[in-house]
Amino acid sequence: VAIFVFLLLCLWAGGFLSYMAQVGNPPEEITTE
């Protein structure tokens, strides 16, 4: 159970850090009408 919880937390942390890197990007210029 402890191993499962640890792996789940690692998976969550990895996804969360990837998410924060994504939302930290500046907006792209919109050239489409």
Full PDB file with SEQRES, HELIX, SHEET, SSBOND, CRYST1, ORIGX, SCALE, CONECT and MASTER records, all heavy atoms in Angstrom:
SEQRES   1 A   33  VAL ALA ILE PHE VAL PHE LEU LEU LEU CYS LEU TRP ALA          
SEQRES   2 A   33  GLY GLY PHE LEU SER TYR MET ALA GLN VAL GLY ASN PRO          
SEQRES   3 A   33  PRO GLU GLU ILE THR THR GLU                                  
HELIX    1 AA1 ALA A    2  VAL A   23  1                                  22    
CRYST1    1.000    1.000    1.000  90.00  90.00  90.00 P 1           1          
ORIGX1      1.000000  0.000000  0.000000        0.00000                         
ORIGX2      0.000000  1.000000  0.000000        0.00000                         
ORIGX3      0.000000  0.000000  1.000000        0.00000                         
SCALE1      1.000000  0.000000  0.000000        0.00000                         
SCALE2      0.000000  1.000000  0.000000        0.00000                         
SCALE3      0.000000  0.000000  1.000000        0.00000                         
ATOM      1  N   VAL A   1       0.835  -1.203   0.000  1.00  0.00           N  
ATOM      2  CA  VAL A   1       0.000   0.000   0.000  1.00  0.00           C  
ATOM      3  C   VAL A   1       0.867   1.249   0.000  1.00  0.00           C  
ATOM      4  O   VAL A   1       0.603   2.208  -0.727  1.00  0.00           O  
ATOM      5  CB  VAL A   1      -0.940   0.000   1.229  1.00  0.00           C  
ATOM      6  CG1 VAL A   1      -1.699   1.315   1.309  1.00  0.00           C  
ATOM      7  CG2 VAL A   1      -1.905  -1.174   1.167  1.00  0.00           C  
ATOM      8  N   ALA A   2       1.922   1.229   0.815  1.00  0.00           N  
ATOM      9  CA  ALA A   2       2.827   2.380   0.887  1.00  0.00           C  
ATOM     10  C   ALA A   2       3.516   2.616  -0.453  1.00  0.00           C  
ATOM     11  O   ALA A   2       3.680   3.760  -0.893  1.00  0.00           O  
ATOM     12  CB  ALA A   2       3.862   2.154   1.987  1.00  0.00           C  
ATOM     13  N   ILE A   3       3.913   1.535  -1.104  1.00  0.00           N  
ATOM     14  CA  ILE A   3       4.563   1.658  -2.407  1.00  0.00           C  
ATOM     15  C   ILE A   3       3.594   2.239  -3.432  1.00  0.00           C  
ATOM     16  O   ILE A   3       3.951   3.109  -4.225  1.00  0.00           O  
ATOM     17  CB  ILE A   3       5.092   0.286  -2.880  1.00  0.00           C  
ATOM     18  CG1 ILE A   3       6.238  -0.172  -1.982  1.00  0.00           C  
ATOM     19  CG2 ILE A   3       5.543   0.360  -4.339  1.00  0.00           C  
ATOM     20  CD1 ILE A   3       6.727  -1.578  -2.276  1.00  0.00           C  
ATOM     21  N   PHE A   4       2.357   1.751  -3.402  1.00  0.00           N  
ATOM     22  CA  PHE A   4       1.339   2.253  -4.332  1.00  0.00           C  
ATOM     23  C   PHE A   4       1.086   3.736  -4.116  1.00  0.00           C  
ATOM     24  O   PHE A   4       1.009   4.508  -5.072  1.00  0.00           O  
ATOM     25  CB  PHE A   4       0.043   1.463  -4.158  1.00  0.00           C  
ATOM     26  CG  PHE A   4      -1.099   1.995  -4.973  1.00  0.00           C  
ATOM     27  CD1 PHE A   4      -1.174   1.749  -6.335  1.00  0.00           C  
ATOM     28  CD2 PHE A   4      -2.097   2.765  -4.377  1.00  0.00           C  
ATOM     29  CE1 PHE A   4      -2.221   2.242  -7.092  1.00  0.00           C  
ATOM     30  CE2 PHE A   4      -3.145   3.265  -5.131  1.00  0.00           C  
ATOM     31  CZ  PHE A   4      -3.204   3.006  -6.493  1.00  0.00           C  
ATOM     32  N   VAL A   5       0.948   4.145  -2.853  1.00  0.00           N  
ATOM     33  CA  VAL A   5       0.718   5.558  -2.536  1.00  0.00           C  
ATOM     34  C   VAL A   5       1.899   6.401  -2.974  1.00  0.00           C  
ATOM     35  O   VAL A   5       1.733   7.499  -3.536  1.00  0.00           O  
ATOM     36  CB  VAL A   5       0.447   5.743  -1.027  1.00  0.00           C  
ATOM     37  CG1 VAL A   5       0.426   7.233  -0.664  1.00  0.00           C  
ATOM     38  CG2 VAL A   5      -0.860   5.090  -0.632  1.00  0.00           C  
ATOM     39  N   PHE A   6       3.102   5.909  -2.752  1.00  0.00           N  
ATOM     40  CA  PHE A   6       4.310   6.647  -3.153  1.00  0.00           C  
ATOM     41  C   PHE A   6       4.360   6.831  -4.666  1.00  0.00           C  
ATOM     42  O   PHE A   6       4.638   7.929  -5.162  1.00  0.00           O  
ATOM     43  CB  PHE A   6       5.552   5.895  -2.668  1.00  0.00           C  
ATOM     44  CG  PHE A   6       6.842   6.497  -3.146  1.00  0.00           C  
ATOM     45  CD1 PHE A   6       7.322   7.675  -2.579  1.00  0.00           C  
ATOM     46  CD2 PHE A   6       7.573   5.909  -4.171  1.00  0.00           C  
ATOM     47  CE1 PHE A   6       8.508   8.250  -3.026  1.00  0.00           C  
ATOM     48  CE2 PHE A   6       8.749   6.472  -4.619  1.00  0.00           C  
ATOM     49  CZ  PHE A   6       9.222   7.643  -4.047  1.00  0.00           C  
ATOM     50  N   LEU A   7       4.076   5.761  -5.406  1.00  0.00           N  
ATOM     51  CA  LEU A   7       4.084   5.850  -6.868  1.00  0.00           C  
ATOM     52  C   LEU A   7       2.996   6.797  -7.371  1.00  0.00           C  
ATOM     53  O   LEU A   7       3.206   7.554  -8.324  1.00  0.00           O  
ATOM     54  CB  LEU A   7       3.893   4.462  -7.477  1.00  0.00           C  
ATOM     55  CG  LEU A   7       5.046   3.468  -7.279  1.00  0.00           C  
ATOM     56  CD1 LEU A   7       4.665   2.100  -7.823  1.00  0.00           C  
ATOM     57  CD2 LEU A   7       6.314   3.979  -7.952  1.00  0.00           C  
ATOM     58  N   LEU A   8       1.841   6.755  -6.710  1.00  0.00           N  
ATOM     59  CA  LEU A   8       0.745   7.642  -7.084  1.00  0.00           C  
ATOM     60  C   LEU A   8       1.123   9.103  -6.859  1.00  0.00           C  
ATOM     61  O   LEU A   8       0.852   9.969  -7.696  1.00  0.00           O  
ATOM     62  CB  LEU A   8      -0.506   7.280  -6.274  1.00  0.00           C  
ATOM     63  CG  LEU A   8      -1.837   7.886  -6.762  1.00  0.00           C  
ATOM     64  CD1 LEU A   8      -2.169   7.370  -8.157  1.00  0.00           C  
ATOM     65  CD2 LEU A   8      -2.948   7.526  -5.785  1.00  0.00           C  
ATOM     66  N   LEU A   9       1.793   9.370  -5.738  1.00  0.00           N  
ATOM     67  CA  LEU A   9       2.241  10.734  -5.442  1.00  0.00           C  
ATOM     68  C   LEU A   9       3.301  11.199  -6.447  1.00  0.00           C  
ATOM     69  O   LEU A   9       3.294  12.359  -6.869  1.00  0.00           O  
ATOM     70  CB  LEU A   9       2.795  10.809  -4.018  1.00  0.00           C  
ATOM     71  CG  LEU A   9       1.762  10.742  -2.887  1.00  0.00           C  
ATOM     72  CD1 LEU A   9       2.464  10.664  -1.529  1.00  0.00           C  
ATOM     73  CD2 LEU A   9       0.849  11.958  -2.933  1.00  0.00           C  
ATOM     74  N   CYS A  10       4.186  10.297  -6.819  1.00  0.00           N  
ATOM     75  CA  CYS A  10       5.205  10.632  -7.822  1.00  0.00           C  
ATOM     76  C   CYS A  10       4.559  10.958  -9.165  1.00  0.00           C  
ATOM     77  O   CYS A  10       4.960  11.910  -9.850  1.00  0.00           O  
ATOM     78  CB  CYS A  10       6.205   9.483  -7.979  1.00  0.00           C  
ATOM     79  SG  CYS A  10       7.309   9.264  -6.578  1.00  0.00           S  
ATOM     80  N   LEU A  11       3.563  10.169  -9.545  1.00  0.00           N  
ATOM     81  CA  LEU A  11       2.846  10.401 -10.798  1.00  0.00           C  
ATOM     82  C   LEU A  11       2.124  11.739 -10.752  1.00  0.00           C  
ATOM     83  O   LEU A  11       2.163  12.512 -11.720  1.00  0.00           O  
ATOM     84  CB  LEU A  11       1.852   9.263 -11.041  1.00  0.00           C  
ATOM     85  CG  LEU A  11       1.061   9.301 -12.358  1.00  0.00           C  
ATOM     86  CD1 LEU A  11       2.005   9.165 -13.537  1.00  0.00           C  
ATOM     87  CD2 LEU A  11       0.022   8.174 -12.385  1.00  0.00           C  
ATOM     88  N   TRP A  12       1.478  12.024  -9.624  1.00  0.00           N  
ATOM     89  CA  TRP A  12       0.778  13.299  -9.466  1.00  0.00           C  
ATOM     90  C   TRP A  12       1.752  14.465  -9.541  1.00  0.00           C  
ATOM     91  O   TRP A  12       1.494  15.461 -10.231  1.00  0.00           O  
ATOM     92  CB  TRP A  12       0.031  13.327  -8.127  1.00  0.00           C  
ATOM     93  CG  TRP A  12      -0.792  14.559  -7.928  1.00  0.00           C  
ATOM     94  CD1 TRP A  12      -2.107  14.739  -8.244  1.00  0.00           C  
ATOM     95  CD2 TRP A  12      -0.350  15.814  -7.371  1.00  0.00           C  
ATOM     96  NE1 TRP A  12      -2.517  16.016  -7.926  1.00  0.00           N  
ATOM     97  CE2 TRP A  12      -1.457  16.702  -7.397  1.00  0.00           C  
ATOM     98  CE3 TRP A  12       0.868  16.271  -6.864  1.00  0.00           C  
ATOM     99  CZ2 TRP A  12      -1.377  18.011  -6.920  1.00  0.00           C  
ATOM    100  CZ3 TRP A  12       0.957  17.580  -6.390  1.00  0.00           C  
ATOM    101  CH2 TRP A  12      -0.165  18.426  -6.424  1.00  0.00           C  
ATOM    102  N   ALA A  13       2.879  14.338  -8.847  1.00  0.00           N  
ATOM    103  CA  ALA A  13       3.863  15.420  -8.820  1.00  0.00           C  
ATOM    104  C   ALA A  13       4.432  15.683 -10.211  1.00  0.00           C  
ATOM    105  O   ALA A  13       4.603  16.839 -10.622  1.00  0.00           O  
ATOM    106  CB  ALA A  13       4.988  15.082  -7.844  1.00  0.00           C  
ATOM    107  N   GLY A  14       4.717  14.602 -10.954  1.00  0.00           N  
ATOM    108  CA  GLY A  14       5.235  14.776 -12.306  1.00  0.00           C  
ATOM    109  C   GLY A  14       4.239  15.468 -13.207  1.00  0.00           C  
ATOM    110  O   GLY A  14       4.576  16.374 -13.970  1.00  0.00           O  
ATOM    111  N   GLY A  15       2.974  15.050 -13.122  1.00  0.00           N  
ATOM    112  CA  GLY A  15       1.928  15.689 -13.922  1.00  0.00           C  
ATOM    113  C   GLY A  15       1.715  17.134 -13.522  1.00  0.00           C  
ATOM    114  O   GLY A  15       1.532  18.004 -14.377  1.00  0.00           O  
ATOM    115  N   PHE A  16       1.772  17.396 -12.227  1.00  0.00           N  
ATOM    116  CA  PHE A  16       1.565  18.757 -11.734  1.00  0.00           C  
ATOM    117  C   PHE A  16       2.677  19.698 -12.204  1.00  0.00           C  
ATOM    118  O   PHE A  16       2.406  20.820 -12.642  1.00  0.00           O  
ATOM    119  CB  PHE A  16       1.496  18.744 -10.211  1.00  0.00           C  
ATOM    120  CG  PHE A  16       1.377  20.113  -9.592  1.00  0.00           C  
ATOM    121  CD1 PHE A  16       0.215  20.856  -9.738  1.00  0.00           C  
ATOM    122  CD2 PHE A  16       2.438  20.661  -8.880  1.00  0.00           C  
ATOM    123  CE1 PHE A  16       0.103  22.122  -9.168  1.00  0.00           C  
ATOM    124  CE2 PHE A  16       2.330  21.917  -8.309  1.00  0.00           C  
ATOM    125  CZ  PHE A  16       1.162  22.651  -8.454  1.00  0.00           C  
ATOM    126  N   LEU A  17       3.919  19.252 -12.130  1.00  0.00           N  
ATOM    127  CA  LEU A  17       5.039  20.088 -12.573  1.00  0.00           C  
ATOM    128  C   LEU A  17       4.975  20.350 -14.076  1.00  0.00           C  
ATOM    129  O   LEU A  17       5.283  21.452 -14.546  1.00  0.00           O  
ATOM    130  CB  LEU A  17       6.370  19.422 -12.205  1.00  0.00           C  
ATOM    131  CG  LEU A  17       6.683  19.362 -10.703  1.00  0.00           C  
ATOM    132  CD1 LEU A  17       7.957  18.566 -10.449  1.00  0.00           C  
ATOM    133  CD2 LEU A  17       6.802  20.767 -10.114  1.00  0.00           C  
ATOM    134  N   SER A  18       4.562  19.333 -14.848  1.00  0.00           N  
ATOM    135  CA  SER A  18       4.388  19.519 -16.290  1.00  0.00           C  
ATOM    136  C   SER A  18       3.278  20.527 -16.566  1.00  0.00           C  
ATOM    137  O   SER A  18       3.395  21.387 -17.454  1.00  0.00           O  
ATOM    138  CB  SER A  18       4.064  18.174 -16.942  1.00  0.00           C  
ATOM    139  OG  SER A  18       3.793  18.330 -18.319  1.00  0.00           O  
ATOM    140  N   TYR A  19       2.216  20.447 -15.786  1.00  0.00           N  
ATOM    141  CA  TYR A  19       1.084  21.372 -15.906  1.00  0.00           C  
ATOM    142  C   TYR A  19       1.528  22.802 -15.608  1.00  0.00           C  
ATOM    143  O   TYR A  19       1.192  23.738 -16.342  1.00  0.00           O  
ATOM    144  CB  TYR A  19       0.000  20.913 -14.942  1.00  0.00           C  
ATOM    145  CG  TYR A  19      -1.119  21.887 -14.689  1.00  0.00           C  
ATOM    146  CD1 TYR A  19      -2.192  21.992 -15.568  1.00  0.00           C  
ATOM    147  CD2 TYR A  19      -1.128  22.683 -13.536  1.00  0.00           C  
ATOM    148  CE1 TYR A  19      -3.237  22.861 -15.314  1.00  0.00           C  
ATOM    149  CE2 TYR A  19      -2.171  23.552 -13.278  1.00  0.00           C  
ATOM    150  CZ  TYR A  19      -3.216  23.638 -14.169  1.00  0.00           C  
ATOM    151  OH  TYR A  19      -4.245  24.505 -13.917  1.00  0.00           O  
ATOM    152  N   MET A  20       2.295  22.988 -14.540  1.00  0.00           N  
ATOM    153  CA  MET A  20       2.749  24.327 -14.166  1.00  0.00           C  
ATOM    154  C   MET A  20       3.702  24.906 -15.210  1.00  0.00           C  
ATOM    155  O   MET A  20       3.702  26.117 -15.459  1.00  0.00           O  
ATOM    156  CB  MET A  20       3.423  24.295 -12.793  1.00  0.00           C  
ATOM    157  CG  MET A  20       2.469  24.019 -11.639  1.00  0.00           C  
ATOM    158  SD  MET A  20       1.037  25.130 -11.591  1.00  0.00           S  
ATOM    159  CE  MET A  20       1.834  26.726 -11.402  1.00  0.00           C  
ATOM    160  N   ALA A  21       4.510  24.049 -15.829  1.00  0.00           N  
ATOM    161  CA  ALA A  21       5.395  24.522 -16.894  1.00  0.00           C  
ATOM    162  C   ALA A  21       4.574  24.977 -18.096  1.00  0.00           C  
ATOM    163  O   ALA A  21       4.901  25.973 -18.754  1.00  0.00           O  
ATOM    164  CB  ALA A  21       6.362  23.416 -17.301  1.00  0.00           C  
ATOM    165  N   GLN A  22       3.492  24.261 -18.368  1.00  0.00           N  
ATOM    166  CA  GLN A  22       2.616  24.605 -19.497  1.00  0.00           C  
ATOM    167  C   GLN A  22       1.918  25.936 -19.262  1.00  0.00           C  
ATOM    168  O   GLN A  22       1.879  26.793 -20.150  1.00  0.00           O  
ATOM    169  CB  GLN A  22       1.577  23.506 -19.692  1.00  0.00           C  
ATOM    170  CG  GLN A  22       0.539  23.810 -20.775  1.00  0.00           C  
ATOM    171  CD  GLN A  22      -0.564  22.770 -20.838  1.00  0.00           C  
ATOM    172  OE1 GLN A  22      -0.508  21.729 -20.183  1.00  0.00           O  
ATOM    173  NE2 GLN A  22      -1.585  23.051 -21.615  1.00  0.00           N  
ATOM    174  N   VAL A  23       1.364  26.146 -18.080  1.00  0.00           N  
ATOM    175  CA  VAL A  23       0.597  27.368 -17.828  1.00  0.00           C  
ATOM    176  C   VAL A  23       1.506  28.582 -17.639  1.00  0.00           C  
ATOM    177  O   VAL A  23       1.032  29.715 -17.631  1.00  0.00           O  
ATOM    178  CB  VAL A  23      -0.328  27.211 -16.601  1.00  0.00           C  
ATOM    179  CG1 VAL A  23      -1.299  26.075 -16.807  1.00  0.00           C  
ATOM    180  CG2 VAL A  23       0.472  27.025 -15.317  1.00  0.00           C  
ATOM    181  N   GLY A  24       2.793  28.338 -17.498  1.00  0.00           N  
ATOM    182  CA  GLY A  24       3.723  29.450 -17.349  1.00  0.00           C  
ATOM    183  C   GLY A  24       4.166  30.055 -18.666  1.00  0.00           C  
ATOM    184  O   GLY A  24       4.832  31.094 -18.686  1.00  0.00           O  
ATOM    185  N   ASN A  25       3.789  29.426 -19.787  1.00  0.00           N  
ATOM    186  CA  ASN A  25       4.177  29.939 -21.098  1.00  0.00           C  
ATOM    187  C   ASN A  25       3.381  31.195 -21.455  1.00  0.00           C  
ATOM    188  O   ASN A  25       2.192  31.283 -21.148  1.00  0.00           O  
ATOM    189  CB  ASN A  25       3.953  28.878 -22.180  1.00  0.00           C  
ATOM    190  CG  ASN A  25       4.863  27.676 -22.008  1.00  0.00           C  
ATOM    191  OD1 ASN A  25       5.983  27.806 -21.514  1.00  0.00           O  
ATOM    192  ND2 ASN A  25       4.384  26.501 -22.400  1.00  0.00           N  
ATOM    193  N   PRO A  26       4.013  32.175 -22.108  1.00  0.00           N  
ATOM    194  CA  PRO A  26       3.280  33.380 -22.518  1.00  0.00           C  
ATOM    195  C   PRO A  26       2.300  33.062 -23.639  1.00  0.00           C  
ATOM    196  O   PRO A  26       2.477  32.067 -24.361  1.00  0.00           O  
ATOM    197  CB  PRO A  26       4.397  34.315 -23.025  1.00  0.00           C  
ATOM    198  CG  PRO A  26       5.494  33.385 -23.453  1.00  0.00           C  
ATOM    199  CD  PRO A  26       5.426  32.222 -22.506  1.00  0.00           C  
ATOM    200  N   PRO A  27       1.250  33.856 -23.811  1.00  0.00           N  
ATOM    201  CA  PRO A  27       0.272  33.582 -24.870  1.00  0.00           C  
ATOM    202  C   PRO A  27       0.889  33.763 -26.249  1.00  0.00           C  
ATOM    203  O   PRO A  27       1.733  34.635 -26.459  1.00  0.00           O  
ATOM    204  CB  PRO A  27      -0.822  34.631 -24.616  1.00  0.00           C  
ATOM    205  CG  PRO A  27      -0.139  35.730 -23.871  1.00  0.00           C  
ATOM    206  CD  PRO A  27       0.902  35.053 -23.028  1.00  0.00           C  
ATOM    207  N   GLU A  28       0.476  32.899 -27.185  1.00  0.00           N  
ATOM    208  CA  GLU A  28       0.955  33.017 -28.556  1.00  0.00           C  
ATOM    209  C   GLU A  28       0.164  34.105 -29.284  1.00  0.00           C  
ATOM    210  O   GLU A  28      -1.000  34.348 -28.987  1.00  0.00           O  
ATOM    211  CB  GLU A  28       0.803  31.679 -29.286  1.00  0.00           C  
ATOM    212  CG  GLU A  28       1.642  30.559 -28.704  1.00  0.00           C  
ATOM    213  CD  GLU A  28       1.498  29.281 -29.491  1.00  0.00           C  
ATOM    214  OE1 GLU A  28       0.794  29.302 -30.531  1.00  0.00           O  
ATOM    215  OE2 GLU A  28       2.072  28.267 -29.084  1.00  0.00           O  
ATOM    216  N   GLU A  29       0.816  34.732 -30.234  1.00  0.00           N  
ATOM    217  CA  GLU A  29       0.135  35.768 -31.013  1.00  0.00           C  
ATOM    218  C   GLU A  29      -0.926  35.126 -31.897  1.00  0.00           C  
ATOM    219  O   GLU A  29      -0.681  34.128 -32.569  1.00  0.00           O  
ATOM    220  CB  GLU A  29       1.146  36.524 -31.877  1.00  0.00           C  
ATOM    221  CG  GLU A  29       0.526  37.662 -32.679  1.00  0.00           C  
ATOM    222  CD  GLU A  29       1.543  38.396 -33.526  1.00  0.00           C  
ATOM    223  OE1 GLU A  29       2.728  38.027 -33.467  1.00  0.00           O  
ATOM    224  OE2 GLU A  29       1.146  39.325 -34.243  1.00  0.00           O  
ATOM    225  N   ILE A  30      -2.116  35.700 -31.887  1.00  0.00           N  
ATOM    226  CA  ILE A  30      -3.219  35.185 -32.698  1.00  0.00           C  
ATOM    227  C   ILE A  30      -3.247  35.940 -34.026  1.00  0.00           C  
ATOM    228  O   ILE A  30      -3.514  37.140 -34.054  1.00  0.00           O  
ATOM    229  CB  ILE A  30      -4.566  35.340 -31.963  1.00  0.00           C  
ATOM    230  CG1 ILE A  30      -4.541  34.560 -30.647  1.00  0.00           C  
ATOM    231  CG2 ILE A  30      -5.711  34.858 -32.840  1.00  0.00           C  
ATOM    232  CD1 ILE A  30      -5.784  34.756 -29.800  1.00  0.00           C  
ATOM    233  N   THR A  31      -2.949  35.241 -35.096  1.00  0.00           N  
ATOM    234  CA  THR A  31      -2.913  35.872 -36.416  1.00  0.00           C  
ATOM    235  C   THR A  31      -4.150  35.535 -37.243  1.00  0.00           C  
ATOM    236  O   THR A  31      -4.388  36.136 -38.282  1.00  0.00           O  
ATOM    237  CB  THR A  31      -1.652  35.430 -37.178  1.00  0.00           C  
ATOM    238  OG1 THR A  31      -1.623  34.001 -37.281  1.00  0.00           O  
ATOM    239  CG2 THR A  31      -0.389  35.894 -36.444  1.00  0.00           C  
ATOM    240  N   THR A  32      -4.928  34.551 -36.791  1.00  0.00           N  
ATOM    241  CA  THR A  32      -6.145  34.153 -37.501  1.00  0.00           C  
ATOM    242  C   THR A  32      -7.265  35.149 -37.246  1.00  0.00           C  
ATOM    243  O   THR A  32      -7.388  35.694 -36.145  1.00  0.00           O  
ATOM    244  CB  THR A  32      -6.590  32.753 -37.035  1.00  0.00           C  
ATOM    245  OG1 THR A  32      -5.529  31.826 -37.260  1.00  0.00           O  
ATOM    246  CG2 THR A  32      -7.835  32.301 -37.781  1.00  0.00           C  
ATOM    247  N   GLU A  33      -8.086  35.401 -38.264  1.00  0.00           N  
ATOM    248  CA  GLU A  33      -9.242  36.277 -38.083  1.00  0.00           C  
ATOM    249  C   GLU A  33     -10.256  35.594 -37.177  1.00  0.00           C  
ATOM    250  O   GLU A  33     -10.664  34.464 -37.411  1.00  0.00           O  
ATOM    251  CB  GLU A  33      -9.880  36.590 -39.438  1.00  0.00           C  
ATOM    252  CG  GLU A  33     -11.041  37.566 -39.348  1.00  0.00           C  
ATOM    253  CD  GLU A  33     -11.596  37.934 -40.714  1.00  0.00           C  
ATOM    254  OE1 GLU A  33     -10.950  37.601 -41.734  1.00  0.00           O  
ATOM    255  OE2 GLU A  33     -12.682  38.543 -40.755  1.00  0.00           O  
TER     256      GLU A  33                                                      
MASTER        0    0    0    1    0    0    0    6  255    1    0    3          
END                                                                             
